[in-house]
Amino acid sequence: MHLLKGVVIGLGVLIFLGLGLLGYGFVQKANNPDWRLITPSAPTADAAKPFGDLNLNLPTGCVIARVRPD
């Protein structure tokens, strides 16, 4: 029974700490929109480049009616 009470109290403390951290983050973000709690250490990857134009060499009058991904 004492173990169960300890677990319940411990989880309650974790909930209040999490809510406090969430509130702190909201206040910081409201004051400074660029604020981050944890900053990334490595630079992010560049955005993917578009494929560009693609020539399928379709015969004259041929139309692609439907496309579906595999």
N, C-alpha and C. Protein backbone atom coordinates (compact mmCIF):
# COMPACT_ATOMS: atom_id res chain seq x y z
N MET A 1 0.81 -1.19 0.00
CA MET A 1 0.00 0.00 0.00
C MET A 1 0.86 1.26 0.00
N HIS A 2 1.98 1.21 0.73
CA HIS A 2 2.87 2.37 0.76
C HIS A 2 3.53 2.58 -0.60
N LEU A 3 3.82 1.48 -1.28
CA LEU A 3 4.41 1.59 -2.61
C LEU A 3 3.44 2.27 -3.58
N LEU A 4 2.18 1.89 -3.52
CA LEU A 4 1.17 2.49 -4.39
C LEU A 4 1.01 3.98 -4.11
N LYS A 5 1.01 4.35 -2.84
CA LYS A 5 0.92 5.77 -2.49
C LYS A 5 2.12 6.54 -3.02
N GLY A 6 3.29 5.94 -2.93
CA GLY A 6 4.50 6.58 -3.44
C GLY A 6 4.45 6.78 -4.95
N VAL A 7 3.94 5.76 -5.65
CA VAL A 7 3.81 5.86 -7.11
C VAL A 7 2.83 6.96 -7.49
N VAL A 8 1.69 7.02 -6.80
CA VAL A 8 0.68 8.03 -7.09
C VAL A 8 1.22 9.43 -6.82
N ILE A 9 1.91 9.61 -5.71
CA ILE A 9 2.49 10.92 -5.38
C ILE A 9 3.56 11.29 -6.40
N GLY A 10 4.41 10.34 -6.77
CA GLY A 10 5.45 10.60 -7.76
C GLY A 10 4.88 11.01 -9.11
N LEU A 11 3.84 10.31 -9.56
CA LEU A 11 3.22 10.66 -10.83
C LEU A 11 2.51 12.01 -10.76
N GLY A 12 1.93 12.32 -9.60
CA GLY A 12 1.31 13.63 -9.42
C GLY A 12 2.33 14.75 -9.53
N VAL A 13 3.51 14.53 -8.93
CA VAL A 13 4.58 15.52 -9.02
C VAL A 13 5.02 15.69 -10.47
N LEU A 14 5.15 14.59 -11.20
CA LEU A 14 5.53 14.67 -12.61
C LEU A 14 4.50 15.44 -13.43
N ILE A 15 3.22 15.24 -13.14
CA ILE A 15 2.17 15.96 -13.86
C ILE A 15 2.30 17.46 -13.60
N PHE A 16 2.50 17.86 -12.33
CA PHE A 16 2.62 19.28 -12.02
C PHE A 16 3.89 19.88 -12.62
N LEU A 17 4.98 19.14 -12.63
CA LEU A 17 6.20 19.63 -13.28
C LEU A 17 5.99 19.82 -14.78
N GLY A 18 5.31 18.87 -15.41
CA GLY A 18 5.03 18.98 -16.84
C GLY A 18 4.13 20.16 -17.16
N LEU A 19 3.10 20.38 -16.34
CA LEU A 19 2.22 21.53 -16.55
C LEU A 19 2.97 22.84 -16.34
N GLY A 20 3.85 22.87 -15.36
CA GLY A 20 4.66 24.07 -15.12
C GLY A 20 5.58 24.36 -16.29
N LEU A 21 6.21 23.33 -16.83
CA LEU A 21 7.09 23.50 -17.99
C LEU A 21 6.29 23.93 -19.21
N LEU A 22 5.11 23.39 -19.38
CA LEU A 22 4.25 23.78 -20.50
C LEU A 22 3.84 25.25 -20.37
N GLY A 23 3.46 25.67 -19.17
CA GLY A 23 3.10 27.07 -18.94
C GLY A 23 4.29 27.99 -19.18
N TYR A 24 5.47 27.60 -18.72
CA TYR A 24 6.68 28.38 -18.95
C TYR A 24 6.96 28.53 -20.45
N GLY A 25 6.79 27.45 -21.18
CA GLY A 25 6.99 27.51 -22.63
C GLY A 25 6.00 28.42 -23.32
N PHE A 26 4.74 28.38 -22.89
CA PHE A 26 3.73 29.28 -23.47
C PHE A 26 4.08 30.74 -23.22
N VAL A 27 4.51 31.06 -22.00
CA VAL A 27 4.85 32.45 -21.67
C VAL A 27 6.06 32.90 -22.49
N GLN A 28 7.08 32.05 -22.57
CA GLN A 28 8.27 32.41 -23.34
C GLN A 28 7.96 32.58 -24.82
N LYS A 29 7.13 31.70 -25.35
CA LYS A 29 6.77 31.77 -26.77
C LYS A 29 5.92 33.01 -27.05
N ALA A 30 5.07 33.41 -26.09
CA ALA A 30 4.26 34.61 -26.27
C ALA A 30 5.13 35.87 -26.27
N ASN A 31 6.18 35.87 -25.46
CA ASN A 31 7.07 37.03 -25.39
C ASN A 31 8.05 37.08 -26.55
N ASN A 32 8.50 35.92 -27.03
CA ASN A 32 9.48 35.85 -28.11
C ASN A 32 9.12 34.68 -29.01
N PRO A 33 8.51 34.94 -30.18
CA PRO A 33 8.07 33.84 -31.05
C PRO A 33 9.21 32.94 -31.55
N ASP A 34 10.45 33.44 -31.55
CA ASP A 34 11.58 32.63 -32.02
C ASP A 34 12.22 31.80 -30.91
N TRP A 35 11.69 31.86 -29.69
CA TRP A 35 12.26 31.15 -28.55
C TRP A 35 12.08 29.65 -28.69
N ARG A 36 13.13 28.90 -28.33
CA ARG A 36 13.08 27.43 -28.32
C ARG A 36 13.69 26.94 -27.02
N LEU A 37 13.08 25.94 -26.40
CA LEU A 37 13.62 25.36 -25.18
C LEU A 37 14.88 24.56 -25.50
N ILE A 38 14.84 23.80 -26.57
CA ILE A 38 15.98 22.99 -26.99
C ILE A 38 16.32 23.40 -28.42
N THR A 39 17.55 23.84 -28.63
CA THR A 39 17.96 24.24 -29.98
C THR A 39 18.61 23.06 -30.68
N PRO A 40 18.36 22.89 -31.97
CA PRO A 40 18.99 21.78 -32.70
C PRO A 40 20.50 22.00 -32.80
N SER A 41 21.26 20.93 -32.63
CA SER A 41 22.71 21.04 -32.66
C SER A 41 23.27 20.98 -34.07
N ALA A 42 22.61 20.24 -34.95
CA ALA A 42 23.09 20.11 -36.32
C ALA A 42 22.18 20.90 -37.26
N PRO A 43 22.73 21.46 -38.32
CA PRO A 43 21.87 22.17 -39.28
C PRO A 43 20.93 21.20 -39.97
N THR A 44 19.77 21.70 -40.33
CA THR A 44 18.79 20.86 -41.00
C THR A 44 19.15 20.70 -42.47
N ALA A 45 18.61 19.67 -43.08
CA ALA A 45 18.89 19.39 -44.49
C ALA A 45 18.20 20.42 -45.38
N ASP A 46 18.77 20.62 -46.56
CA ASP A 46 18.18 21.54 -47.52
C ASP A 46 16.86 20.98 -48.03
N ALA A 47 16.01 21.87 -48.48
CA ALA A 47 14.72 21.45 -49.03
C ALA A 47 14.95 20.68 -50.33
N ALA A 48 14.07 19.75 -50.61
CA ALA A 48 14.18 18.95 -51.83
C ALA A 48 13.97 19.83 -53.05
N LYS A 49 14.76 19.58 -54.08
CA LYS A 49 14.64 20.35 -55.32
C LYS A 49 13.56 19.72 -56.20
N PRO A 50 12.84 20.54 -56.96
CA PRO A 50 11.82 19.98 -57.85
C PRO A 50 12.47 19.16 -58.97
N PHE A 51 11.70 18.23 -59.52
CA PHE A 51 12.21 17.37 -60.58
C PHE A 51 12.41 18.12 -61.89
N GLY A 52 11.62 19.13 -62.12
CA GLY A 52 11.70 19.85 -63.38
C GLY A 52 10.73 19.24 -64.39
N ASP A 53 10.90 19.61 -65.64
CA ASP A 53 10.02 19.11 -66.70
C ASP A 53 10.44 17.70 -67.09
N LEU A 54 9.44 16.89 -67.42
CA LEU A 54 9.66 15.50 -67.78
C LEU A 54 9.03 15.25 -69.14
N ASN A 55 9.77 14.69 -70.06
CA ASN A 55 9.25 14.40 -71.38
C ASN A 55 8.98 12.90 -71.48
N LEU A 56 7.70 12.53 -71.68
CA LEU A 56 7.32 11.12 -71.75
C LEU A 56 7.27 10.58 -73.17
N ASN A 57 7.45 11.43 -74.16
CA ASN A 57 7.40 11.03 -75.57
C ASN A 57 6.11 10.31 -75.91
N LEU A 58 4.97 10.88 -75.50
CA LEU A 58 3.68 10.30 -75.82
C LEU A 58 3.32 10.60 -77.27
N PRO A 59 2.67 9.67 -77.94
CA PRO A 59 2.24 9.92 -79.32
C PRO A 59 1.20 11.05 -79.36
N THR A 60 1.05 11.67 -80.50
CA THR A 60 0.09 12.75 -80.67
C THR A 60 -1.32 12.24 -80.40
N GLY A 61 -2.08 12.98 -79.61
CA GLY A 61 -3.45 12.60 -79.28
C GLY A 61 -3.56 11.70 -78.06
N CYS A 62 -2.45 11.23 -77.54
CA CYS A 62 -2.48 10.36 -76.36
C CYS A 62 -2.64 11.22 -75.11
N VAL A 63 -3.51 10.78 -74.20
CA VAL A 63 -3.80 11.52 -72.98
C VAL A 63 -3.65 10.59 -71.79
N ILE A 64 -3.03 11.07 -70.73
CA ILE A 64 -2.96 10.30 -69.48
C ILE A 64 -4.25 10.56 -68.73
N ALA A 65 -5.08 9.53 -68.60
CA ALA A 65 -6.41 9.69 -68.00
C ALA A 65 -6.37 9.56 -66.48
N ARG A 66 -5.53 8.70 -65.95
CA ARG A 66 -5.54 8.46 -64.51
C ARG A 66 -4.13 8.08 -64.06
N VAL A 67 -3.76 8.54 -62.88
CA VAL A 67 -2.46 8.21 -62.29
C VAL A 67 -2.71 7.76 -60.86
N ARG A 68 -2.08 6.66 -60.47
CA ARG A 68 -2.22 6.22 -59.08
C ARG A 68 -0.86 5.72 -58.59
N PRO A 69 -0.51 6.05 -57.36
CA PRO A 69 0.78 5.62 -56.82
C PRO A 69 0.76 4.13 -56.47
N ASP A 70 1.91 3.53 -56.53
CA ASP A 70 2.03 2.11 -56.17
C ASP A 70 2.14 1.94 -54.68
